[in-house]
Amino acid sequence: MKNLRNTILLAMISTVIGVYTGNAQKKYIDKNANIVFEASEKLFEEVKAETESATAILDTETNEIASLALVKGFRFKNSLMQEHFNENYIESDTYPKATFKGELLDFDSSKLTESPSEILVDGTLGLHGKEKDIRTTLSVRKVEDAIVMEGAFKVAPEDFDIEIPKLVRSKIAKEVLVQINFNLVGR
């Protein structure tokens, strides 16, 4: 079942990025990519979720990067919060995935070392049937045969037409911090 899920995820992300051709030296993939988002407000219950089952692909020839996360893969500490997130806010049965497709700017993988480099990325985040342009800086380094990328950016629920009911609006941050950690291995 897990292999079938991975095959389906690879097919989905291949469609998103449109570049996965199997060239081993130029493609890097992470099938267990880590994405965390947090929308906590002080004095209220933590609003934070994490997935370690997103997929990310980097093509070092074109510097294109893409990521796909199944929305139901995000886990909260509080199961009721997770249920509300999926049913009332993200509507994950209707909008099952979050995607990112972008390009690393002025990136040359042959110059990577164990010391982190700051690399600018331009792309588009897709969520809840909407898209938003994202520009952020990633920390990128080489660790053995892997390319490790870490970074963060902020988005607002209204960027994706996600309505927060008045009853809980003060308990959820106006900006959501999204953090990524990819450990991409050559294929």
N, C-alpha and C. Protein backbone atom coordinates (compact mmCIF):
# COMPACT_ATOMS: atom_id res chain seq x y z
N MET A 1 0.82 -1.19 0.00
CA MET A 1 0.00 0.00 0.00
C MET A 1 0.87 1.26 0.00
N LYS A 2 1.97 1.25 0.82
CA LYS A 2 2.85 2.41 0.88
C LYS A 2 3.53 2.64 -0.47
N ASN A 3 3.97 1.55 -1.15
CA ASN A 3 4.59 1.71 -2.46
C ASN A 3 3.61 2.28 -3.47
N LEU A 4 2.35 1.85 -3.40
CA LEU A 4 1.33 2.39 -4.29
C LEU A 4 1.14 3.88 -4.02
N ARG A 5 1.10 4.25 -2.72
CA ARG A 5 0.96 5.67 -2.36
C ARG A 5 2.13 6.48 -2.90
N ASN A 6 3.35 5.95 -2.76
CA ASN A 6 4.53 6.66 -3.27
C ASN A 6 4.49 6.78 -4.79
N THR A 7 4.05 5.73 -5.47
CA THR A 7 3.94 5.77 -6.93
C THR A 7 2.93 6.82 -7.36
N ILE A 8 1.79 6.87 -6.67
CA ILE A 8 0.77 7.86 -6.99
C ILE A 8 1.30 9.27 -6.73
N LEU A 9 1.98 9.46 -5.58
CA LEU A 9 2.54 10.77 -5.27
C LEU A 9 3.56 11.21 -6.31
N LEU A 10 4.42 10.28 -6.72
CA LEU A 10 5.42 10.62 -7.76
C LEU A 10 4.74 11.01 -9.06
N ALA A 11 3.70 10.28 -9.43
CA ALA A 11 2.97 10.61 -10.66
C ALA A 11 2.33 11.99 -10.55
N MET A 12 1.74 12.29 -9.37
CA MET A 12 1.10 13.59 -9.18
C MET A 12 2.12 14.72 -9.22
N ILE A 13 3.23 14.56 -8.53
CA ILE A 13 4.21 15.63 -8.51
C ILE A 13 4.91 15.75 -9.86
N SER A 14 5.06 14.65 -10.58
CA SER A 14 5.63 14.71 -11.93
C SER A 14 4.77 15.57 -12.82
N THR A 15 3.46 15.46 -12.66
CA THR A 15 2.53 16.28 -13.42
C THR A 15 2.69 17.74 -13.04
N VAL A 16 2.85 18.01 -11.74
CA VAL A 16 2.98 19.38 -11.27
C VAL A 16 4.24 20.03 -11.83
N ILE A 17 5.37 19.35 -11.76
CA ILE A 17 6.63 19.96 -12.20
C ILE A 17 6.88 19.77 -13.69
N GLY A 18 6.41 18.66 -14.25
CA GLY A 18 6.56 18.44 -15.67
C GLY A 18 7.97 18.18 -16.14
N VAL A 19 8.88 17.77 -15.24
CA VAL A 19 10.27 17.59 -15.67
C VAL A 19 10.86 16.26 -15.26
N TYR A 20 10.17 15.44 -14.50
CA TYR A 20 10.76 14.20 -13.98
C TYR A 20 10.89 13.18 -15.10
N THR A 21 12.13 13.02 -15.59
CA THR A 21 12.37 12.11 -16.71
C THR A 21 13.26 10.95 -16.32
N GLY A 22 13.78 10.95 -15.12
CA GLY A 22 14.59 9.84 -14.66
C GLY A 22 16.08 10.02 -14.86
N ASN A 23 16.55 11.16 -15.31
CA ASN A 23 17.96 11.42 -15.47
C ASN A 23 18.60 11.53 -14.08
N ALA A 24 19.40 10.53 -13.71
CA ALA A 24 19.87 10.37 -12.34
C ALA A 24 20.72 11.54 -11.85
N GLN A 25 21.55 12.12 -12.65
CA GLN A 25 22.46 13.16 -12.19
C GLN A 25 21.77 14.50 -11.96
N LYS A 26 20.63 14.71 -12.50
CA LYS A 26 20.03 16.03 -12.47
C LYS A 26 18.77 16.13 -11.64
N LYS A 27 18.24 15.00 -11.19
CA LYS A 27 16.99 15.00 -10.42
C LYS A 27 17.28 14.56 -8.98
N TYR A 28 16.70 15.30 -8.06
CA TYR A 28 16.80 14.98 -6.64
C TYR A 28 15.39 14.93 -6.08
N ILE A 29 15.14 13.97 -5.19
CA ILE A 29 13.80 13.79 -4.67
C ILE A 29 13.82 13.51 -3.17
N ASP A 30 12.79 13.98 -2.50
CA ASP A 30 12.56 13.66 -1.09
C ASP A 30 11.11 13.20 -0.98
N LYS A 31 10.91 11.93 -0.66
CA LYS A 31 9.56 11.36 -0.53
C LYS A 31 9.01 11.52 0.88
N ASN A 32 9.84 12.00 1.79
CA ASN A 32 9.44 12.22 3.18
C ASN A 32 9.72 13.67 3.60
N ALA A 33 9.42 14.58 2.71
CA ALA A 33 9.69 15.99 2.96
C ALA A 33 8.87 16.49 4.15
N ASN A 34 9.47 17.35 4.94
CA ASN A 34 8.85 17.88 6.15
C ASN A 34 8.32 19.28 5.89
N ILE A 35 7.05 19.48 6.18
CA ILE A 35 6.42 20.81 6.10
C ILE A 35 5.64 21.03 7.39
N VAL A 36 5.85 22.19 8.00
CA VAL A 36 5.15 22.56 9.23
C VAL A 36 4.48 23.90 8.98
N PHE A 37 3.24 24.03 9.46
CA PHE A 37 2.65 25.36 9.45
C PHE A 37 2.14 25.69 10.84
N GLU A 38 2.24 26.96 11.19
CA GLU A 38 1.80 27.39 12.50
C GLU A 38 1.03 28.69 12.39
N ALA A 39 -0.13 28.71 13.04
CA ALA A 39 -0.98 29.90 13.06
C ALA A 39 -1.42 30.19 14.49
N SER A 40 -0.50 29.99 15.43
CA SER A 40 -0.81 30.15 16.86
C SER A 40 -0.85 31.63 17.25
N GLU A 41 -1.70 31.90 18.21
CA GLU A 41 -1.75 33.22 18.85
C GLU A 41 -1.40 33.02 20.32
N LYS A 42 -0.66 33.96 20.88
CA LYS A 42 -0.30 33.88 22.30
C LYS A 42 -1.58 33.78 23.14
N LEU A 43 -1.46 33.09 24.23
CA LEU A 43 -2.53 32.90 25.21
C LEU A 43 -3.62 31.93 24.77
N PHE A 44 -3.50 31.37 23.58
CA PHE A 44 -4.50 30.42 23.11
C PHE A 44 -3.83 29.10 22.77
N GLU A 45 -4.64 28.09 22.51
CA GLU A 45 -4.13 26.77 22.16
C GLU A 45 -3.29 26.83 20.88
N GLU A 46 -2.23 26.06 20.87
CA GLU A 46 -1.33 26.00 19.72
C GLU A 46 -2.09 25.54 18.47
N VAL A 47 -1.89 26.27 17.38
CA VAL A 47 -2.45 25.90 16.08
C VAL A 47 -1.26 25.58 15.18
N LYS A 48 -0.89 24.32 15.16
CA LYS A 48 0.32 23.91 14.46
C LYS A 48 0.12 22.50 13.93
N ALA A 49 0.57 22.28 12.70
CA ALA A 49 0.46 20.95 12.11
C ALA A 49 1.72 20.65 11.32
N GLU A 50 1.98 19.35 11.13
CA GLU A 50 3.19 18.92 10.46
C GLU A 50 2.90 17.69 9.61
N THR A 51 3.59 17.61 8.49
CA THR A 51 3.60 16.39 7.69
C THR A 51 5.04 16.02 7.41
N GLU A 52 5.30 14.74 7.42
CA GLU A 52 6.60 14.22 7.02
C GLU A 52 6.42 13.27 5.84
N SER A 53 5.35 13.50 5.09
CA SER A 53 5.07 12.63 3.95
C SER A 53 4.82 13.42 2.67
N ALA A 54 5.30 14.66 2.64
CA ALA A 54 5.22 15.43 1.39
C ALA A 54 6.30 14.92 0.44
N THR A 55 6.16 15.24 -0.82
CA THR A 55 7.16 14.87 -1.83
C THR A 55 7.71 16.15 -2.44
N ALA A 56 9.02 16.19 -2.63
CA ALA A 56 9.67 17.34 -3.27
C ALA A 56 10.63 16.83 -4.33
N ILE A 57 10.69 17.54 -5.44
CA ILE A 57 11.60 17.19 -6.55
C ILE A 57 12.35 18.45 -6.97
N LEU A 58 13.66 18.29 -7.18
CA LEU A 58 14.51 19.37 -7.68
C LEU A 58 15.20 18.89 -8.94
N ASP A 59 15.12 19.69 -9.99
CA ASP A 59 15.84 19.43 -11.24
C ASP A 59 17.00 20.42 -11.28
N THR A 60 18.24 19.93 -11.08
CA THR A 60 19.39 20.82 -11.01
C THR A 60 19.82 21.34 -12.38
N GLU A 61 19.28 20.77 -13.43
CA GLU A 61 19.59 21.28 -14.77
C GLU A 61 18.79 22.54 -15.07
N THR A 62 17.52 22.56 -14.65
CA THR A 62 16.65 23.71 -14.92
C THR A 62 16.43 24.58 -13.69
N ASN A 63 16.86 24.07 -12.51
CA ASN A 63 16.66 24.72 -11.22
C ASN A 63 15.18 24.82 -10.82
N GLU A 64 14.36 23.97 -11.42
CA GLU A 64 12.95 23.92 -11.05
C GLU A 64 12.78 23.03 -9.82
N ILE A 65 11.87 23.46 -8.97
CA ILE A 65 11.55 22.70 -7.77
C ILE A 65 10.03 22.60 -7.66
N ALA A 66 9.57 21.47 -7.17
CA ALA A 66 8.14 21.28 -6.95
C ALA A 66 7.94 20.44 -5.71
N SER A 67 6.83 20.69 -5.06
CA SER A 67 6.48 19.93 -3.88
C SER A 67 4.98 19.68 -3.88
N LEU A 68 4.62 18.53 -3.31
CA LEU A 68 3.22 18.18 -3.19
C LEU A 68 2.99 17.57 -1.81
N ALA A 69 1.97 18.04 -1.13
CA ALA A 69 1.59 17.49 0.17
C ALA A 69 0.10 17.19 0.15
N LEU A 70 -0.25 16.00 0.59
CA LEU A 70 -1.66 15.69 0.76
C LEU A 70 -2.11 16.37 2.05
N VAL A 71 -3.16 17.18 1.96
CA VAL A 71 -3.60 18.00 3.08
C VAL A 71 -3.96 17.14 4.29
N LYS A 72 -4.57 15.99 4.06
CA LYS A 72 -4.93 15.13 5.19
C LYS A 72 -3.71 14.52 5.87
N GLY A 73 -2.52 14.70 5.30
CA GLY A 73 -1.30 14.21 5.90
C GLY A 73 -0.77 15.10 7.02
N PHE A 74 -1.32 16.31 7.16
CA PHE A 74 -0.88 17.20 8.23
C PHE A 74 -1.49 16.74 9.55
N ARG A 75 -0.65 16.65 10.57
CA ARG A 75 -1.09 16.15 11.87
C ARG A 75 -0.99 17.26 12.93
N PHE A 76 -2.06 17.39 13.68
CA PHE A 76 -2.14 18.31 14.81
C PHE A 76 -2.02 17.51 16.10
N LYS A 77 -1.66 18.16 17.19
CA LYS A 77 -1.67 17.51 18.49
C LYS A 77 -3.10 17.19 18.92
N ASN A 78 -4.02 18.05 18.55
CA ASN A 78 -5.42 17.93 18.93
C ASN A 78 -6.21 17.37 17.75
N SER A 79 -6.79 16.18 17.91
CA SER A 79 -7.50 15.54 16.80
C SER A 79 -8.75 16.31 16.38
N LEU A 80 -9.40 16.98 17.32
CA LEU A 80 -10.58 17.78 16.95
C LEU A 80 -10.16 18.96 16.07
N MET A 81 -9.03 19.57 16.39
CA MET A 81 -8.52 20.67 15.58
C MET A 81 -8.20 20.16 14.17
N GLN A 82 -7.63 18.98 14.08
CA GLN A 82 -7.32 18.39 12.78
C GLN A 82 -8.60 18.15 11.97
N GLU A 83 -9.63 17.67 12.64
CA GLU A 83 -10.91 17.44 11.97
C GLU A 83 -11.50 18.75 11.45
N HIS A 84 -11.50 19.79 12.28
CA HIS A 84 -12.02 21.09 11.84
C HIS A 84 -11.20 21.65 10.69
N PHE A 85 -9.89 21.52 10.77
CA PHE A 85 -9.00 21.98 9.70
C PHE A 85 -9.38 21.34 8.37
N ASN A 86 -9.53 20.02 8.37
CA ASN A 86 -9.83 19.30 7.12
C ASN A 86 -11.26 19.53 6.63
N GLU A 87 -12.22 19.56 7.53
CA GLU A 87 -13.62 19.66 7.10
C GLU A 87 -14.09 21.09 6.89
N ASN A 88 -13.72 22.00 7.78
CA ASN A 88 -14.31 23.34 7.76
C ASN A 88 -13.44 24.42 7.11
N TYR A 89 -12.14 24.27 7.20
CA TYR A 89 -11.26 25.33 6.69
C TYR A 89 -10.68 24.98 5.32
N ILE A 90 -9.93 23.91 5.24
CA ILE A 90 -9.26 23.53 4.00
C ILE A 90 -10.18 22.77 3.06
N GLU A 91 -11.20 22.12 3.62
CA GLU A 91 -12.11 21.30 2.81
C GLU A 91 -11.31 20.29 1.99
N SER A 92 -10.55 19.47 2.70
CA SER A 92 -9.58 18.59 2.05
C SER A 92 -10.22 17.50 1.17
N ASP A 93 -11.49 17.19 1.36
CA ASP A 93 -12.13 16.25 0.43
C ASP A 93 -12.28 16.89 -0.95
N THR A 94 -12.52 18.20 -0.98
CA THR A 94 -12.64 18.93 -2.24
C THR A 94 -11.28 19.38 -2.77
N TYR A 95 -10.39 19.79 -1.86
CA TYR A 95 -9.05 20.29 -2.21
C TYR A 95 -8.02 19.43 -1.51
N PRO A 96 -7.70 18.24 -2.03
CA PRO A 96 -6.89 17.27 -1.30
C PRO A 96 -5.39 17.54 -1.23
N LYS A 97 -4.88 18.46 -2.04
CA LYS A 97 -3.43 18.62 -2.06
C LYS A 97 -3.01 20.09 -2.02
N ALA A 98 -1.81 20.28 -1.51
CA ALA A 98 -1.14 21.58 -1.54
C ALA A 98 0.08 21.39 -2.44
N THR A 99 0.32 22.34 -3.33
CA THR A 99 1.43 22.21 -4.28
C THR A 99 2.29 23.48 -4.26
N PHE A 100 3.52 23.30 -4.64
CA PHE A 100 4.42 24.43 -4.87
C PHE A 100 5.21 24.10 -6.12
N LYS A 101 5.31 25.05 -7.01
CA LYS A 101 6.13 24.91 -8.21
C LYS A 101 6.91 26.21 -8.37
N GLY A 102 8.24 26.09 -8.49
CA GLY A 102 9.02 27.30 -8.58
C GLY A 102 10.39 27.07 -9.18
N GLU A 103 11.20 28.10 -9.07
CA GLU A 103 12.55 28.06 -9.63
C GLU A 103 13.53 28.69 -8.64
N LEU A 104 14.65 28.00 -8.46
CA LEU A 104 15.74 28.55 -7.66
C LEU A 104 16.51 29.53 -8.53
N LEU A 105 16.72 30.75 -8.05
CA LEU A 105 17.37 31.78 -8.84
C LEU A 105 18.87 31.80 -8.56
N ASP A 106 19.66 31.95 -9.60
CA ASP A 106 21.13 31.99 -9.47
C ASP A 106 21.66 30.81 -8.66
N PHE A 107 21.19 29.62 -9.00
CA PHE A 107 21.54 28.41 -8.28
C PHE A 107 22.44 27.53 -9.14
N ASP A 108 23.53 27.06 -8.56
CA ASP A 108 24.43 26.13 -9.25
C ASP A 108 24.76 25.02 -8.26
N SER A 109 24.15 23.87 -8.46
CA SER A 109 24.31 22.76 -7.50
C SER A 109 25.76 22.29 -7.40
N SER A 110 26.57 22.50 -8.45
CA SER A 110 27.97 22.06 -8.40
C SER A 110 28.80 22.87 -7.41
N LYS A 111 28.30 24.02 -6.98
CA LYS A 111 29.03 24.87 -6.04
C LYS A 111 28.59 24.68 -4.60
N LEU A 112 27.66 23.75 -4.37
CA LEU A 112 27.18 23.53 -3.01
C LEU A 112 28.25 22.86 -2.15
N THR A 113 28.28 23.25 -0.88
CA THR A 113 29.18 22.65 0.11
C THR A 113 28.35 22.36 1.36
N GLU A 114 29.01 21.91 2.41
CA GLU A 114 28.31 21.67 3.67
C GLU A 114 27.92 22.98 4.35
N SER A 115 28.55 24.07 3.95
CA SER A 115 28.17 25.38 4.48
C SER A 115 26.93 25.88 3.75
N PRO A 116 25.92 26.32 4.48
CA PRO A 116 24.68 26.75 3.83
C PRO A 116 24.88 27.97 2.94
N SER A 117 24.17 27.97 1.82
CA SER A 117 24.10 29.13 0.92
C SER A 117 22.66 29.63 0.95
N GLU A 118 22.49 30.94 0.86
CA GLU A 118 21.16 31.52 0.80
C GLU A 118 20.76 31.63 -0.68
N ILE A 119 19.67 30.96 -1.04
CA ILE A 119 19.22 30.92 -2.43
C ILE A 119 17.79 31.45 -2.50
N LEU A 120 17.54 32.36 -3.41
CA LEU A 120 16.22 32.91 -3.62
C LEU A 120 15.39 31.96 -4.47
N VAL A 121 14.12 31.77 -4.10
CA VAL A 121 13.22 30.94 -4.89
C VAL A 121 11.95 31.73 -5.19
N ASP A 122 11.53 31.67 -6.45
CA ASP A 122 10.26 32.26 -6.90
C ASP A 122 9.35 31.11 -7.30
N GLY A 123 8.10 31.18 -6.86
CA GLY A 123 7.20 30.11 -7.24
C GLY A 123 5.76 30.43 -6.92
N THR A 124 4.94 29.40 -7.05
CA THR A 124 3.50 29.53 -6.83
C THR A 124 3.05 28.43 -5.89
N LEU A 125 2.38 28.84 -4.83
CA LEU A 125 1.79 27.92 -3.87
C LEU A 125 0.32 27.73 -4.23
N GLY A 126 -0.10 26.48 -4.36
CA GLY A 126 -1.49 26.16 -4.65
C GLY A 126 -2.13 25.50 -3.44
N LEU A 127 -3.26 26.03 -3.01
CA LEU A 127 -3.96 25.49 -1.84
C LEU A 127 -5.42 25.92 -1.90
N HIS A 128 -6.32 25.05 -1.55
CA HIS A 128 -7.74 25.37 -1.44
C HIS A 128 -8.29 25.93 -2.76
N GLY A 129 -7.75 25.43 -3.88
CA GLY A 129 -8.21 25.85 -5.20
C GLY A 129 -7.72 27.22 -5.65
N LYS A 130 -6.81 27.82 -4.90
CA LYS A 130 -6.27 29.14 -5.23
C LYS A 130 -4.76 29.04 -5.34
N GLU A 131 -4.15 30.05 -5.99
CA GLU A 131 -2.70 30.11 -6.11
C GLU A 131 -2.20 31.46 -5.62
N LYS A 132 -1.00 31.43 -5.05
CA LYS A 132 -0.36 32.66 -4.58
C LYS A 132 1.11 32.61 -4.93
N ASP A 133 1.61 33.71 -5.50
CA ASP A 133 3.04 33.81 -5.79
C ASP A 133 3.81 33.94 -4.47
N ILE A 134 4.91 33.21 -4.41
CA ILE A 134 5.76 33.20 -3.21
C ILE A 134 7.18 33.50 -3.64
N ARG A 135 7.84 34.37 -2.91
CA ARG A 135 9.27 34.61 -3.08
C ARG A 135 9.87 34.53 -1.69
N THR A 136 10.85 33.67 -1.53
CA THR A 136 11.48 33.50 -0.23
C THR A 136 12.93 33.07 -0.43
N THR A 137 13.67 33.05 0.64
CA THR A 137 15.05 32.61 0.63
C THR A 137 15.15 31.27 1.34
N LEU A 138 15.87 30.35 0.73
CA LEU A 138 16.11 29.04 1.30
C LEU A 138 17.57 28.91 1.69
N SER A 139 17.80 28.19 2.76
CA SER A 139 19.15 27.80 3.14
C SER A 139 19.42 26.46 2.46
N VAL A 140 20.44 26.40 1.61
CA VAL A 140 20.70 25.20 0.82
C VAL A 140 22.15 24.76 1.07
N ARG A 141 22.31 23.45 1.30
CA ARG A 141 23.66 22.91 1.51
C ARG A 141 23.72 21.48 1.02
N LYS A 142 24.92 21.00 0.84
CA LYS A 142 25.17 19.62 0.42
C LYS A 142 25.57 18.82 1.65
N VAL A 143 24.90 17.71 1.89
CA VAL A 143 25.25 16.81 2.98
C VAL A 143 25.40 15.43 2.36
N GLU A 144 26.65 14.98 2.24
CA GLU A 144 26.98 13.74 1.55
C GLU A 144 26.40 13.82 0.13
N ASP A 145 25.50 12.91 -0.24
CA ASP A 145 24.95 12.92 -1.60
C ASP A 145 23.61 13.62 -1.70
N ALA A 146 23.19 14.29 -0.64
CA ALA A 146 21.88 14.93 -0.61
C ALA A 146 22.00 16.45 -0.66
N ILE A 147 20.96 17.07 -1.17
CA ILE A 147 20.82 18.53 -1.13
C ILE A 147 19.77 18.81 -0.07
N VAL A 148 20.16 19.56 0.96
CA VAL A 148 19.26 19.89 2.06
C VAL A 148 18.79 21.33 1.90
N MET A 149 17.47 21.52 1.94
CA MET A 149 16.87 22.85 1.82
C MET A 149 16.00 23.11 3.03
N GLU A 150 16.17 24.29 3.61
CA GLU A 150 15.34 24.71 4.73
C GLU A 150 14.92 26.15 4.49
N GLY A 151 13.71 26.46 4.88
CA GLY A 151 13.24 27.82 4.70
C GLY A 151 11.85 28.02 5.28
N ALA A 152 11.38 29.25 5.19
CA ALA A 152 10.06 29.59 5.72
C ALA A 152 9.50 30.79 4.95
N PHE A 153 8.18 30.88 4.98
CA PHE A 153 7.50 32.04 4.41
C PHE A 153 6.14 32.16 5.10
N LYS A 154 5.50 33.30 4.92
CA LYS A 154 4.19 33.53 5.54
C LYS A 154 3.13 33.72 4.47
N VAL A 155 1.95 33.22 4.79
CA VAL A 155 0.77 33.42 3.95
C VAL A 155 -0.40 33.75 4.87
N ALA A 156 -1.45 34.27 4.30
CA ALA A 156 -2.66 34.56 5.08
C ALA A 156 -3.79 33.66 4.61
N PRO A 157 -4.67 33.24 5.51
CA PRO A 157 -5.81 32.41 5.09
C PRO A 157 -6.61 33.03 3.95
N GLU A 158 -6.80 34.35 3.99
CA GLU A 158 -7.60 34.99 2.93
C GLU A 158 -6.93 34.92 1.56
N ASP A 159 -5.59 34.68 1.52
CA ASP A 159 -4.92 34.50 0.23
C ASP A 159 -5.51 33.31 -0.54
N PHE A 160 -6.11 32.38 0.20
CA PHE A 160 -6.64 31.15 -0.39
C PHE A 160 -8.15 31.02 -0.16
N ASP A 161 -8.80 32.14 0.11
CA ASP A 161 -10.25 32.16 0.36
C ASP A 161 -10.65 31.19 1.47
N ILE A 162 -9.82 31.11 2.51
CA ILE A 162 -10.14 30.29 3.67
C ILE A 162 -10.76 31.21 4.71
N GLU A 163 -12.01 30.95 5.04
CA GLU A 163 -12.73 31.79 5.98
C GLU A 163 -12.56 31.26 7.41
N ILE A 164 -12.22 32.18 8.31
CA ILE A 164 -12.09 31.85 9.72
C ILE A 164 -13.31 32.43 10.44
N PRO A 165 -14.12 31.58 11.06
CA PRO A 165 -15.32 32.09 11.75
C PRO A 165 -14.97 33.10 12.84
N LYS A 166 -15.85 34.08 13.05
CA LYS A 166 -15.63 35.12 14.06
C LYS A 166 -15.35 34.53 15.44
N LEU A 167 -16.01 33.44 15.77
CA LEU A 167 -15.88 32.81 17.08
C LEU A 167 -14.43 32.44 17.42
N VAL A 168 -13.65 32.06 16.41
CA VAL A 168 -12.26 31.63 16.65
C VAL A 168 -11.22 32.54 15.99
N ARG A 169 -11.65 33.58 15.33
CA ARG A 169 -10.73 34.46 14.59
C ARG A 169 -9.61 35.01 15.45
N SER A 170 -9.89 35.37 16.68
CA SER A 170 -8.85 35.94 17.56
C SER A 170 -7.87 34.87 18.06
N LYS A 171 -8.21 33.59 17.87
CA LYS A 171 -7.37 32.49 18.34
C LYS A 171 -6.43 31.97 17.26
N ILE A 172 -6.57 32.51 16.04
CA ILE A 172 -5.75 32.06 14.90
C ILE A 172 -5.01 33.26 14.33
N ALA A 173 -3.73 33.10 14.12
CA ALA A 173 -2.88 34.19 13.60
C ALA A 173 -3.37 34.66 12.24
N LYS A 174 -3.20 35.94 11.99
CA LYS A 174 -3.58 36.51 10.69
C LYS A 174 -2.63 36.04 9.59
N GLU A 175 -1.39 35.73 9.99
CA GLU A 175 -0.42 35.19 9.05
C GLU A 175 0.02 33.81 9.53
N VAL A 176 0.10 32.89 8.60
CA VAL A 176 0.49 31.52 8.90
C VAL A 176 1.94 31.33 8.48
N LEU A 177 2.77 30.86 9.40
CA LEU A 177 4.18 30.59 9.10
C LEU A 177 4.29 29.17 8.54
N VAL A 178 4.86 29.05 7.35
CA VAL A 178 5.07 27.75 6.71
C VAL A 178 6.57 27.50 6.68
N GLN A 179 6.99 26.36 7.24
CA GLN A 179 8.41 26.01 7.26
C GLN A 179 8.61 24.71 6.48
N ILE A 180 9.70 24.67 5.72
CA ILE A 180 9.99 23.46 4.95
C ILE A 180 11.39 22.95 5.30
N ASN A 181 11.53 21.63 5.20
CA ASN A 181 12.82 20.99 5.38
C ASN A 181 12.85 19.81 4.41
N PHE A 182 13.63 19.95 3.35
CA PHE A 182 13.73 18.91 2.32
C PHE A 182 15.13 18.30 2.35
N ASN A 183 15.20 16.99 2.26
CA ASN A 183 16.46 16.26 2.17
C ASN A 183 16.41 15.50 0.85
N LEU A 184 16.84 16.17 -0.21
CA LEU A 184 16.69 15.67 -1.59
C LEU A 184 17.87 14.79 -1.98
N VAL A 185 17.57 13.58 -2.44
CA VAL A 185 18.59 12.60 -2.82
C VAL A 185 18.54 12.38 -4.32
N GLY A 186 19.72 12.29 -4.94
CA GLY A 186 19.81 12.10 -6.39
C GLY A 186 19.20 10.78 -6.84
N ARG A 187 18.55 10.82 -7.99
CA ARG A 187 17.94 9.63 -8.59
C ARG A 187 18.51 9.40 -9.97
